Amino acid sequence: MSKRIYVGGLPFSVNDEQLSALFSTHGAVASAKVITDKFSGQSRGFGFVEMTNDAEAVAAIEKLNGSDMEGRKLTVNEARPMEDRKGGGFGGGRGGGRGGHGGGNRW
């Protein structure tokens, strides 16, 4: 089974191929994707790597987390599903509505 890895703190100059090359020194890489801004196309400074072997993925996380790449400290850990990232949901409360209709009915 493959393991998906989050990589944060990437230099903005890094592309998919460079990200893949960084991880391929630790095992087989199925895919590597630097996340870019959909309007400007510029890197957002993070990406995801999918490795085919779980043991190699764990070793890569241990070796690369906290390492330096072009003067930036990398944050490398196992990627979590989107719903798990912010503690689930929207953090409670409904937000800024005033509620009610104001004025009231005059029957």
PDB file of N, CA and C in Angstrom:
ATOM      1  N   MET A   1       0.839  -1.182   0.000  1.00  0.00           N
ATOM      2  CA  MET A   1       0.000   0.000   0.000  1.00  0.00           C
ATOM      3  C   MET A   1       0.884   1.246   0.000  1.00  0.00           C
ATOM      4  N   SER A   2       0.464   2.274  -0.686  1.00  0.00           N
ATOM      5  CA  SER A   2       1.276   3.483  -0.761  1.00  0.00           C
ATOM      6  C   SER A   2       0.938   4.433   0.382  1.00  0.00           C
ATOM      7  N   LYS A   3       1.898   5.299   0.675  1.00  0.00           N
ATOM      8  CA  LYS A   3       1.727   6.267   1.757  1.00  0.00           C
ATOM      9  C   LYS A   3       1.902   7.661   1.177  1.00  0.00           C
ATOM     10  N   ARG A   4       0.987   8.565   1.538  1.00  0.00           N
ATOM     11  CA  ARG A   4       1.024   9.945   1.064  1.00  0.00           C
ATOM     12  C   ARG A   4       1.698  10.816   2.113  1.00  0.00           C
ATOM     13  N   ILE A   5       2.637  11.654   1.671  1.00  0.00           N
ATOM     14  CA  ILE A   5       3.452  12.467   2.563  1.00  0.00           C
ATOM     15  C   ILE A   5       3.249  13.939   2.247  1.00  0.00           C
ATOM     16  N   TYR A   6       3.064  14.742   3.292  1.00  0.00           N
ATOM     17  CA  TYR A   6       2.989  16.195   3.164  1.00  0.00           C
ATOM     18  C   TYR A   6       4.397  16.764   3.316  1.00  0.00           C
ATOM     19  N   VAL A   7       4.740  17.716   2.447  1.00  0.00           N
ATOM     20  CA  VAL A   7       6.046  18.371   2.519  1.00  0.00           C
ATOM     21  C   VAL A   7       5.814  19.876   2.533  1.00  0.00           C
ATOM     22  N   GLY A   8       6.102  20.521   3.653  1.00  0.00           N
ATOM     23  CA  GLY A   8       5.936  21.960   3.783  1.00  0.00           C
ATOM     24  C   GLY A   8       7.279  22.665   3.870  1.00  0.00           C
ATOM     25  N   GLY A   9       7.265  23.974   3.662  1.00  0.00           N
ATOM     26  CA  GLY A   9       8.493  24.760   3.739  1.00  0.00           C
ATOM     27  C   GLY A   9       9.347  24.673   2.494  1.00  0.00           C
ATOM     28  N   LEU A  10       8.742  24.245   1.392  1.00  0.00           N
ATOM     29  CA  LEU A  10       9.511  24.117   0.148  1.00  0.00           C
ATOM     30  C   LEU A  10       9.909  25.487  -0.390  1.00  0.00           C
ATOM     31  N   PRO A  11      11.124  25.586  -0.923  1.00  0.00           N
ATOM     32  CA  PRO A  11      11.488  26.817  -1.628  1.00  0.00           C
ATOM     33  C   PRO A  11      10.535  27.011  -2.810  1.00  0.00           C
ATOM     34  N   PHE A  12      10.202  28.248  -3.110  1.00  0.00           N
ATOM     35  CA  PHE A  12       9.235  28.517  -4.173  1.00  0.00           C
ATOM     36  C   PHE A  12       9.752  28.146  -5.557  1.00  0.00           C
ATOM     37  N   SER A  13      11.057  27.902  -5.675  1.00  0.00           N
ATOM     38  CA  SER A  13      11.649  27.533  -6.960  1.00  0.00           C
ATOM     39  C   SER A  13      11.561  26.034  -7.255  1.00  0.00           C
ATOM     40  N   VAL A  14      11.191  25.221  -6.277  1.00  0.00           N
ATOM     41  CA  VAL A  14      11.181  23.766  -6.445  1.00  0.00           C
ATOM     42  C   VAL A  14       9.993  23.330  -7.295  1.00  0.00           C
ATOM     43  N   ASN A  15      10.248  22.385  -8.216  1.00  0.00           N
ATOM     44  CA  ASN A  15       9.176  21.844  -9.066  1.00  0.00           C
ATOM     45  C   ASN A  15       8.930  20.369  -8.721  1.00  0.00           C
ATOM     46  N   ASP A  16       7.966  19.772  -9.413  1.00  0.00           N
ATOM     47  CA  ASP A  16       7.590  18.379  -9.147  1.00  0.00           C
ATOM     48  C   ASP A  16       8.776  17.418  -9.282  1.00  0.00           C
ATOM     49  N   GLU A  17       9.577  17.617 -10.318  1.00  0.00           N
ATOM     50  CA  GLU A  17      10.708  16.718 -10.576  1.00  0.00           C
ATOM     51  C   GLU A  17      11.747  16.797  -9.462  1.00  0.00           C
ATOM     52  N   GLN A  18      12.023  17.998  -8.978  1.00  0.00           N
ATOM     53  CA  GLN A  18      12.991  18.161  -7.893  1.00  0.00           C
ATOM     54  C   GLN A  18      12.471  17.543  -6.601  1.00  0.00           C
ATOM     55  N   LEU A  19      11.192  17.685  -6.350  1.00  0.00           N
ATOM     56  CA  LEU A  19      10.588  17.084  -5.164  1.00  0.00           C
ATOM     57  C   LEU A  19      10.669  15.561  -5.242  1.00  0.00           C
ATOM     58  N   SER A  20      10.375  15.022  -6.395  1.00  0.00           N
ATOM     59  CA  SER A  20      10.468  13.579  -6.602  1.00  0.00           C
ATOM     60  C   SER A  20      11.900  13.086  -6.405  1.00  0.00           C
ATOM     61  N   ALA A  21      12.857  13.830  -6.946  1.00  0.00           N
ATOM     62  CA  ALA A  21      14.268  13.443  -6.827  1.00  0.00           C
ATOM     63  C   ALA A  21      14.724  13.440  -5.374  1.00  0.00           C
ATOM     64  N   LEU A  22      14.250  14.405  -4.584  1.00  0.00           N
ATOM     65  CA  LEU A  22      14.613  14.480  -3.175  1.00  0.00           C
ATOM     66  C   LEU A  22      14.178  13.214  -2.443  1.00  0.00           C
ATOM     67  N   PHE A  23      12.967  12.747  -2.717  1.00  0.00           N
ATOM     68  CA  PHE A  23      12.434  11.576  -2.020  1.00  0.00           C
ATOM     69  C   PHE A  23      12.912  10.260  -2.623  1.00  0.00           C
ATOM     70  N   SER A  24      13.263  10.250  -3.893  1.00  0.00           N
ATOM     71  CA  SER A  24      13.673   9.000  -4.536  1.00  0.00           C
ATOM     72  C   SER A  24      14.986   8.465  -3.970  1.00  0.00           C
ATOM     73  N   THR A  25      15.757   9.311  -3.289  1.00  0.00           N
ATOM     74  CA  THR A  25      16.978   8.816  -2.638  1.00  0.00           C
ATOM     75  C   THR A  25      16.643   7.932  -1.436  1.00  0.00           C
ATOM     76  N   HIS A  26      15.383   7.952  -1.007  1.00  0.00           N
ATOM     77  CA  HIS A  26      14.954   7.162   0.151  1.00  0.00           C
ATOM     78  C   HIS A  26      14.024   6.011  -0.223  1.00  0.00           C
ATOM     79  N   GLY A  27      13.663   5.890  -1.506  1.00  0.00           N
ATOM     80  CA  GLY A  27      12.791   4.800  -1.922  1.00  0.00           C
ATOM     81  C   GLY A  27      12.037   5.137  -3.202  1.00  0.00           C
ATOM     82  N   ALA A  28      11.119   4.240  -3.573  1.00  0.00           N
ATOM     83  CA  ALA A  28      10.352   4.386  -4.808  1.00  0.00           C
ATOM     84  C   ALA A  28       9.256   5.432  -4.647  1.00  0.00           C
ATOM     85  N   VAL A  29       9.251   6.417  -5.545  1.00  0.00           N
ATOM     86  CA  VAL A  29       8.260   7.487  -5.529  1.00  0.00           C
ATOM     87  C   VAL A  29       7.220   7.217  -6.614  1.00  0.00           C
ATOM     88  N   ALA A  30       5.946   7.141  -6.217  1.00  0.00           N
ATOM     89  CA  ALA A  30       4.866   6.931  -7.184  1.00  0.00           C
ATOM     90  C   ALA A  30       4.482   8.255  -7.836  1.00  0.00           C
ATOM     91  N   SER A  31       4.460   9.354  -7.043  1.00  0.00           N
ATOM     92  CA  SER A  31       4.135  10.670  -7.586  1.00  0.00           C
ATOM     93  C   SER A  31       4.640  11.745  -6.641  1.00  0.00           C
ATOM     94  N   ALA A  32       4.860  12.924  -7.204  1.00  0.00           N
ATOM     95  CA  ALA A  32       5.271  14.089  -6.414  1.00  0.00           C
ATOM     96  C   ALA A  32       4.628  15.307  -7.050  1.00  0.00           C
ATOM     97  N   LYS A  33       3.987  16.143  -6.232  1.00  0.00           N
ATOM     98  CA  LYS A  33       3.269  17.309  -6.747  1.00  0.00           C
ATOM     99  C   LYS A  33       3.485  18.505  -5.839  1.00  0.00           C
ATOM    100  N   VAL A  34       4.059  19.573  -6.416  1.00  0.00           N
ATOM    101  CA  VAL A  34       4.166  20.842  -5.716  1.00  0.00           C
ATOM    102  C   VAL A  34       2.855  21.583  -5.962  1.00  0.00           C
ATOM    103  N   ILE A  35       2.223  22.067  -4.911  1.00  0.00           N
ATOM    104  CA  ILE A  35       0.942  22.754  -5.034  1.00  0.00           C
ATOM    105  C   ILE A  35       1.189  24.199  -5.454  1.00  0.00           C
ATOM    106  N   THR A  36       0.466  24.628  -6.467  1.00  0.00           N
ATOM    107  CA  THR A  36       0.647  25.976  -7.005  1.00  0.00           C
ATOM    108  C   THR A  36      -0.647  26.776  -6.889  1.00  0.00           C
ATOM    109  N   ASP A  37      -0.500  28.088  -6.884  1.00  0.00           N
ATOM    110  CA  ASP A  37      -1.639  28.992  -6.891  1.00  0.00           C
ATOM    111  C   ASP A  37      -2.355  28.847  -8.226  1.00  0.00           C
ATOM    112  N   LYS A  38      -3.674  28.699  -8.191  1.00  0.00           N
ATOM    113  CA  LYS A  38      -4.394  28.434  -9.443  1.00  0.00           C
ATOM    114  C   LYS A  38      -4.440  29.640 -10.373  1.00  0.00           C
ATOM    115  N   PHE A  39      -4.197  30.836  -9.842  1.00  0.00           N
ATOM    116  CA  PHE A  39      -4.237  32.035 -10.689  1.00  0.00           C
ATOM    117  C   PHE A  39      -2.858  32.411 -11.205  1.00  0.00           C
ATOM    118  N   SER A  40      -1.861  32.459 -10.309  1.00  0.00           N
ATOM    119  CA  SER A  40      -0.529  32.903 -10.716  1.00  0.00           C
ATOM    120  C   SER A  40       0.353  31.752 -11.188  1.00  0.00           C
ATOM    121  N   GLY A  41       0.046  30.527 -10.761  1.00  0.00           N
ATOM    122  CA  GLY A  41       0.871  29.379 -11.121  1.00  0.00           C
ATOM    123  C   GLY A  41       2.112  29.247 -10.256  1.00  0.00           C
ATOM    124  N   GLN A  42       2.316  30.162  -9.308  1.00  0.00           N
ATOM    125  CA  GLN A  42       3.487  30.114  -8.434  1.00  0.00           C
ATOM    126  C   GLN A  42       3.290  29.083  -7.335  1.00  0.00           C
ATOM    127  N   SER A  43       4.386  28.465  -6.932  1.00  0.00           N
ATOM    128  CA  SER A  43       4.363  27.497  -5.844  1.00  0.00           C
ATOM    129  C   SER A  43       3.803  28.127  -4.578  1.00  0.00           C
ATOM    130  N   ARG A  44       3.052  27.326  -3.825  1.00  0.00           N
ATOM    131  CA  ARG A  44       2.525  27.789  -2.534  1.00  0.00           C
ATOM    132  C   ARG A  44       3.429  27.346  -1.386  1.00  0.00           C
ATOM    133  N   GLY A  45       4.560  26.714  -1.708  1.00  0.00           N
ATOM    134  CA  GLY A  45       5.537  26.350  -0.682  1.00  0.00           C
ATOM    135  C   GLY A  45       5.300  25.012  -0.020  1.00  0.00           C
ATOM    136  N   PHE A  46       4.401  24.204  -0.585  1.00  0.00           N
ATOM    137  CA  PHE A  46       4.197  22.865  -0.039  1.00  0.00           C
ATOM    138  C   PHE A  46       3.788  21.913  -1.159  1.00  0.00           C
ATOM    139  N   GLY A  47       3.855  20.632  -0.860  1.00  0.00           N
ATOM    140  CA  GLY A  47       3.492  19.638  -1.858  1.00  0.00           C
ATOM    141  C   GLY A  47       3.222  18.296  -1.203  1.00  0.00           C
ATOM    142  N   PHE A  48       2.980  17.311  -2.052  1.00  0.00           N
ATOM    143  CA  PHE A  48       2.687  15.962  -1.587  1.00  0.00           C
ATOM    144  C   PHE A  48       3.493  14.962  -2.395  1.00  0.00           C
ATOM    145  N   VAL A  49       3.958  13.932  -1.699  1.00  0.00           N
ATOM    146  CA  VAL A  49       4.698  12.844  -2.331  1.00  0.00           C
ATOM    147  C   VAL A  49       4.003  11.554  -1.967  1.00  0.00           C
ATOM    148  N   GLU A  50       3.855  10.679  -2.941  1.00  0.00           N
ATOM    149  CA  GLU A  50       3.290   9.358  -2.668  1.00  0.00           C
ATOM    150  C   GLU A  50       4.386   8.333  -2.914  1.00  0.00           C
ATOM    151  N   MET A  51       4.671   7.551  -1.869  1.00  0.00           N
ATOM    152  CA  MET A  51       5.697   6.506  -1.973  1.00  0.00           C
ATOM    153  C   MET A  51       5.014   5.147  -1.932  1.00  0.00           C
ATOM    154  N   THR A  52       5.535   4.218  -2.725  1.00  0.00           N
ATOM    155  CA  THR A  52       4.882   2.921  -2.880  1.00  0.00           C
ATOM    156  C   THR A  52       5.112   1.980  -1.701  1.00  0.00           C
ATOM    157  N   ASN A  53       6.185   2.185  -0.937  1.00  0.00           N
ATOM    158  CA  ASN A  53       6.517   1.297   0.167  1.00  0.00           C
ATOM    159  C   ASN A  53       6.395   2.061   1.483  1.00  0.00           C
ATOM    160  N   ASP A  54       5.578   1.556   2.404  1.00  0.00           N
ATOM    161  CA  ASP A  54       5.343   2.239   3.679  1.00  0.00           C
ATOM    162  C   ASP A  54       6.620   2.403   4.494  1.00  0.00           C
ATOM    163  N   ALA A  55       7.457   1.371   4.540  1.00  0.00           N
ATOM    164  CA  ALA A  55       8.692   1.442   5.334  1.00  0.00           C
ATOM    165  C   ALA A  55       9.632   2.507   4.772  1.00  0.00           C
ATOM    166  N   GLU A  56       9.721   2.584   3.447  1.00  0.00           N
ATOM    167  CA  GLU A  56      10.566   3.606   2.815  1.00  0.00           C
ATOM    168  C   GLU A  56       9.999   5.000   3.080  1.00  0.00           C
ATOM    169  N   ALA A  57       8.676   5.115   3.079  1.00  0.00           N
ATOM    170  CA  ALA A  57       8.032   6.406   3.346  1.00  0.00           C
ATOM    171  C   ALA A  57       8.324   6.872   4.766  1.00  0.00           C
ATOM    172  N   VAL A  58       8.229   5.957   5.729  1.00  0.00           N
ATOM    173  CA  VAL A  58       8.512   6.301   7.121  1.00  0.00           C
ATOM    174  C   VAL A  58       9.973   6.733   7.265  1.00  0.00           C
ATOM    175  N   ALA A  59      10.868   6.017   6.607  1.00  0.00           N
ATOM    176  CA  ALA A  59      12.292   6.371   6.662  1.00  0.00           C
ATOM    177  C   ALA A  59      12.528   7.751   6.043  1.00  0.00           C
ATOM    178  N   ALA A  60      11.872   8.044   4.929  1.00  0.00           N
ATOM    179  CA  ALA A  60      12.022   9.346   4.271  1.00  0.00           C
ATOM    180  C   ALA A  60      11.512  10.463   5.180  1.00  0.00           C
ATOM    181  N   ILE A  61      10.382  10.246   5.846  1.00  0.00           N
ATOM    182  CA  ILE A  61       9.834  11.243   6.767  1.00  0.00           C
ATOM    183  C   ILE A  61      10.833  11.521   7.880  1.00  0.00           C
ATOM    184  N   GLU A  62      11.387  10.463   8.464  1.00  0.00           N
ATOM    185  CA  GLU A  62      12.337  10.622   9.567  1.00  0.00           C
ATOM    186  C   GLU A  62      13.601  11.352   9.131  1.00  0.00           C
ATOM    187  N   LYS A  63      14.097  11.042   7.936  1.00  0.00           N
ATOM    188  CA  LYS A  63      15.342  11.659   7.450  1.00  0.00           C
ATOM    189  C   LYS A  63      15.145  13.102   6.995  1.00  0.00           C
ATOM    190  N   LEU A  64      14.007  13.391   6.360  1.00  0.00           N
ATOM    191  CA  LEU A  64      13.838  14.701   5.723  1.00  0.00           C
ATOM    192  C   LEU A  64      13.136  15.739   6.588  1.00  0.00           C
ATOM    193  N   ASN A  65      12.376  15.317   7.590  1.00  0.00           N
ATOM    194  CA  ASN A  65      11.692  16.290   8.447  1.00  0.00           C
ATOM    195  C   ASN A  65      12.731  17.125   9.197  1.00  0.00           C
ATOM    196  N   GLY A  66      12.633  18.444   9.058  1.00  0.00           N
ATOM    197  CA  GLY A  66      13.577  19.340   9.715  1.00  0.00           C
ATOM    198  C   GLY A  66      14.846  19.590   8.920  1.00  0.00           C
ATOM    199  N   SER A  67      14.977  18.926   7.784  1.00  0.00           N
ATOM    200  CA  SER A  67      16.179  19.123   6.970  1.00  0.00           C
ATOM    201  C   SER A  67      16.103  20.448   6.213  1.00  0.00           C
ATOM    202  N   ASP A  68      17.243  20.865   5.674  1.00  0.00           N
ATOM    203  CA  ASP A  68      17.347  22.140   4.981  1.00  0.00           C
ATOM    204  C   ASP A  68      17.320  21.928   3.470  1.00  0.00           C
ATOM    205  N   MET A  69      16.533  22.758   2.785  1.00  0.00           N
ATOM    206  CA  MET A  69      16.523  22.743   1.322  1.00  0.00           C
ATOM    207  C   MET A  69      16.582  24.194   0.854  1.00  0.00           C
ATOM    208  N   GLU A  70      17.690  24.562   0.259  1.00  0.00           N
ATOM    209  CA  GLU A  70      17.904  25.928  -0.235  1.00  0.00           C
ATOM    210  C   GLU A  70      17.628  26.975   0.840  1.00  0.00           C
ATOM    211  N   GLY A  71      18.077  26.686   2.064  1.00  0.00           N
ATOM    212  CA  GLY A  71      17.926  27.640   3.161  1.00  0.00           C
ATOM    213  C   GLY A  71      16.580  27.620   3.868  1.00  0.00           C
ATOM    214  N   ARG A  72      15.717  26.689   3.502  1.00  0.00           N
ATOM    215  CA  ARG A  72      14.404  26.588   4.155  1.00  0.00           C
ATOM    216  C   ARG A  72      14.299  25.246   4.878  1.00  0.00           C
ATOM    217  N   LYS A  73      13.693  25.285   6.059  1.00  0.00           N
ATOM    218  CA  LYS A  73      13.525  24.078   6.863  1.00  0.00           C
ATOM    219  C   LYS A  73      12.259  23.357   6.415  1.00  0.00           C
ATOM    220  N   LEU A  74      12.418  22.094   6.038  1.00  0.00           N
ATOM    221  CA  LEU A  74      11.276  21.307   5.561  1.00  0.00           C
ATOM    222  C   LEU A  74      10.477  20.721   6.723  1.00  0.00           C
ATOM    223  N   THR A  75       9.173  20.708   6.554  1.00  0.00           N
ATOM    224  CA  THR A  75       8.265  20.005   7.463  1.00  0.00           C
ATOM    225  C   THR A  75       7.738  18.813   6.680  1.00  0.00           C
ATOM    226  N   VAL A  76       8.055  17.623   7.127  1.00  0.00           N
ATOM    227  CA  VAL A  76       7.679  16.407   6.407  1.00  0.00           C
ATOM    228  C   VAL A  76       6.948  15.478   7.364  1.00  0.00           C
ATOM    229  N   ASN A  77       5.712  15.125   7.015  1.00  0.00           N
ATOM    230  CA  ASN A  77       4.965  14.175   7.831  1.00  0.00           C
ATOM    231  C   ASN A  77       3.923  13.462   6.974  1.00  0.00           C
ATOM    232  N   GLU A  78       3.299  12.472   7.571  1.00  0.00           N
ATOM    233  CA  GLU A  78       2.275  11.733   6.842  1.00  0.00           C
ATOM    234  C   GLU A  78       1.087  12.651   6.576  1.00  0.00           C
ATOM    235  N   ALA A  79       0.644  12.682   5.334  1.00  0.00           N
ATOM    236  CA  ALA A  79      -0.493  13.530   4.959  1.00  0.00           C
ATOM    237  C   ALA A  79      -1.752  12.991   5.614  1.00  0.00           C
ATOM    238  N   ARG A  80      -2.595  13.922   6.083  1.00  0.00           N
ATOM    239  CA  ARG A  80      -3.874  13.549   6.678  1.00  0.00           C
ATOM    240  C   ARG A  80      -4.982  13.918   5.709  1.00  0.00           C
ATOM    241  N   PRO A  81      -6.093  13.197   5.762  1.00  0.00           N
ATOM    242  CA  PRO A  81      -7.234  13.567   4.912  1.00  0.00           C
ATOM    243  C   PRO A  81      -7.704  14.976   5.234  1.00  0.00           C
ATOM    244  N   MET A  82      -8.285  15.664   4.262  1.00  0.00           N
ATOM    245  CA  MET A  82      -8.691  17.050   4.441  1.00  0.00           C
ATOM    246  C   MET A  82      -9.588  17.271   5.652  1.00  0.00           C
ATOM    247  N   GLU A  83     -10.527  16.364   5.925  1.00  0.00           N
ATOM    248  CA  GLU A  83     -11.456  16.577   7.021  1.00  0.00           C
ATOM    249  C   GLU A  83     -10.767  16.490   8.384  1.00  0.00           C
ATOM    250  N   ASP A  84      -9.584  15.901   8.462  1.00  0.00           N
ATOM    251  CA  ASP A  84      -8.875  15.759   9.726  1.00  0.00           C
ATOM    252  C   ASP A  84      -7.936  16.924  10.028  1.00  0.00           C
ATOM    253  N   ARG A  85      -7.643  17.776   9.056  1.00  0.00           N
ATOM    254  CA  ARG A  85      -6.587  18.760   9.220  1.00  0.00           C
ATOM    255  C   ARG A  85      -6.878  19.841  10.246  1.00  0.00           C
ATOM    256  N   LYS A  86      -8.105  20.316  10.353  1.00  0.00           N
ATOM    257  CA  LYS A  86      -8.388  21.437  11.236  1.00  0.00           C
ATOM    258  C   LYS A  86      -9.310  21.039  12.390  1.00  0.00           C
ATOM    259  N   GLY A  87      -9.193  19.824  12.831  1.00  0.00           N
ATOM    260  CA  GLY A  87      -9.988  19.397  13.971  1.00  0.00           C
ATOM    261  C   GLY A  87     -11.425  19.069  13.618  1.00  0.00           C
ATOM    262  N   GLY A  88     -11.735  18.950  12.348  1.00  0.00           N
ATOM    263  CA  GLY A  88     -13.074  18.577  11.914  1.00  0.00           C
ATOM    264  C   GLY A  88     -14.040  19.734  11.938  1.00  0.00           C
ATOM    265  N   GLY A  89     -14.796  19.879  10.915  1.00  0.00           N
ATOM    266  CA  GLY A  89     -15.828  20.911  10.864  1.00  0.00           C
ATOM    267  C   GLY A  89     -15.265  22.315  10.742  1.00  0.00           C
ATOM    268  N   PHE A  90     -16.089  23.271  11.122  1.00  0.00           N
ATOM    269  CA  PHE A  90     -15.722  24.666  10.974  1.00  0.00           C
ATOM    270  C   PHE A  90     -15.442  25.349  12.303  1.00  0.00           C
ATOM    271  N   GLY A  91     -15.271  24.595  13.358  1.00  0.00           N
ATOM    272  CA  GLY A  91     -14.886  25.188  14.627  1.00  0.00           C
ATOM    273  C   GLY A  91     -16.038  25.703  15.467  1.00  0.00           C
ATOM    274  N   GLY A  92     -17.231  25.266  15.205  1.00  0.00           N
ATOM    275  CA  GLY A  92     -18.364  25.616  16.047  1.00  0.00           C
ATOM    276  C   GLY A  92     -18.918  26.995  15.744  1.00  0.00           C
ATOM    277  N   GLY A  93     -20.096  27.235  16.236  1.00  0.00           N
ATOM    278  CA  GLY A  93     -20.734  28.535  16.039  1.00  0.00           C
ATOM    279  C   GLY A  93     -21.224  28.701  14.618  1.00  0.00           C
ATOM    280  N   ARG A  94     -22.109  29.666  14.438  1.00  0.00           N
ATOM    281  CA  ARG A  94     -22.653  29.879  13.109  1.00  0.00           C
ATOM    282  C   ARG A  94     -22.063  31.085  12.422  1.00  0.00           C
ATOM    283  N   GLY A  95     -21.384  31.929  13.129  1.00  0.00           N
ATOM    284  CA  GLY A  95     -20.784  33.071  12.467  1.00  0.00           C
ATOM    285  C   GLY A  95     -21.665  34.298  12.537  1.00  0.00           C
ATOM    286  N   GLY A  96     -21.385  35.263  11.677  1.00  0.00           N
ATOM    287  CA  GLY A  96     -21.844  36.619  11.832  1.00  0.00           C
ATOM    288  C   GLY A  96     -23.253  37.006  11.500  1.00  0.00           C
ATOM    289  N   GLY A  97     -24.204  36.116  11.372  1.00  0.00           N
ATOM    290  CA  GLY A  97     -25.568  36.540  11.055  1.00  0.00           C
ATOM    291  C   GLY A  97     -26.240  37.237  12.216  1.00  0.00           C
ATOM    292  N   ARG A  98     -27.183  38.122  11.938  1.00  0.00           N
ATOM    293  CA  ARG A  98     -27.911  38.818  13.008  1.00  0.00           C
ATOM    294  C   ARG A  98     -29.063  37.987  13.522  1.00  0.00           C
ATOM    295  N   GLY A  99     -29.586  37.137  12.701  1.00  0.00           N
ATOM    296  CA  GLY A  99     -30.714  36.311  13.116  1.00  0.00           C
ATOM    297  C   GLY A  99     -32.009  37.087  13.085  1.00  0.00           C
ATOM    298  N   GLY A 100     -33.125  36.401  13.058  1.00  0.00           N
ATOM    299  CA  GLY A 100     -34.443  37.051  13.060  1.00  0.00           C
ATOM    300  C   GLY A 100     -34.686  37.850  11.785  1.00  0.00           C
ATOM    301  N   HIS A 101     -35.860  38.434  11.725  1.00  0.00           N
ATOM    302  CA  HIS A 101     -36.223  39.216  10.553  1.00  0.00           C
ATOM    303  C   HIS A 101     -36.303  40.698  10.855  1.00  0.00           C
ATOM    304  N   GLY A 102     -36.254  41.043  12.122  1.00  0.00           N
ATOM    305  CA  GLY A 102     -36.371  42.449  12.509  1.00  0.00           C
ATOM    306  C   GLY A 102     -37.790  42.952  12.325  1.00  0.00           C
ATOM    307  N   GLY A 103     -38.205  43.882  13.100  1.00  0.00           N
ATOM    308  CA  GLY A 103     -39.512  44.493  12.925  1.00  0.00           C
ATOM    309  C   GLY A 103     -40.656  43.730  13.537  1.00  0.00           C
ATOM    310  N   GLY A 104     -40.762  42.480  13.284  1.00  0.00           N
ATOM    311  CA  GLY A 104     -41.877  41.700  13.830  1.00  0.00           C
ATOM    312  C   GLY A 104     -43.118  41.805  12.980  1.00  0.00           C
ATOM    313  N   ASN A 105     -44.060  40.923  13.232  1.00  0.00           N
ATOM    314  CA  ASN A 105     -45.302  40.890  12.480  1.00  0.00           C
ATOM    315  C   ASN A 105     -46.360  41.741  13.166  1.00  0.00           C
ATOM    316  N   ARG A 106     -47.216  42.384  12.392  1.00  0.00           N
ATOM    317  CA  ARG A 106     -48.315  43.164  12.963  1.00  0.00           C
ATOM    318  C   ARG A 106     -49.625  42.604  12.401  1.00  0.00           C
ATOM    319  N   TRP A 107     -50.156  41.666  13.112  1.00  0.00           N
ATOM    320  CA  TRP A 107     -51.388  41.027  12.636  1.00  0.00           C
ATOM    321  C   TRP A 107     -52.557  41.649  13.258  1.00  0.00           C
TER     322      TRP A 107
END
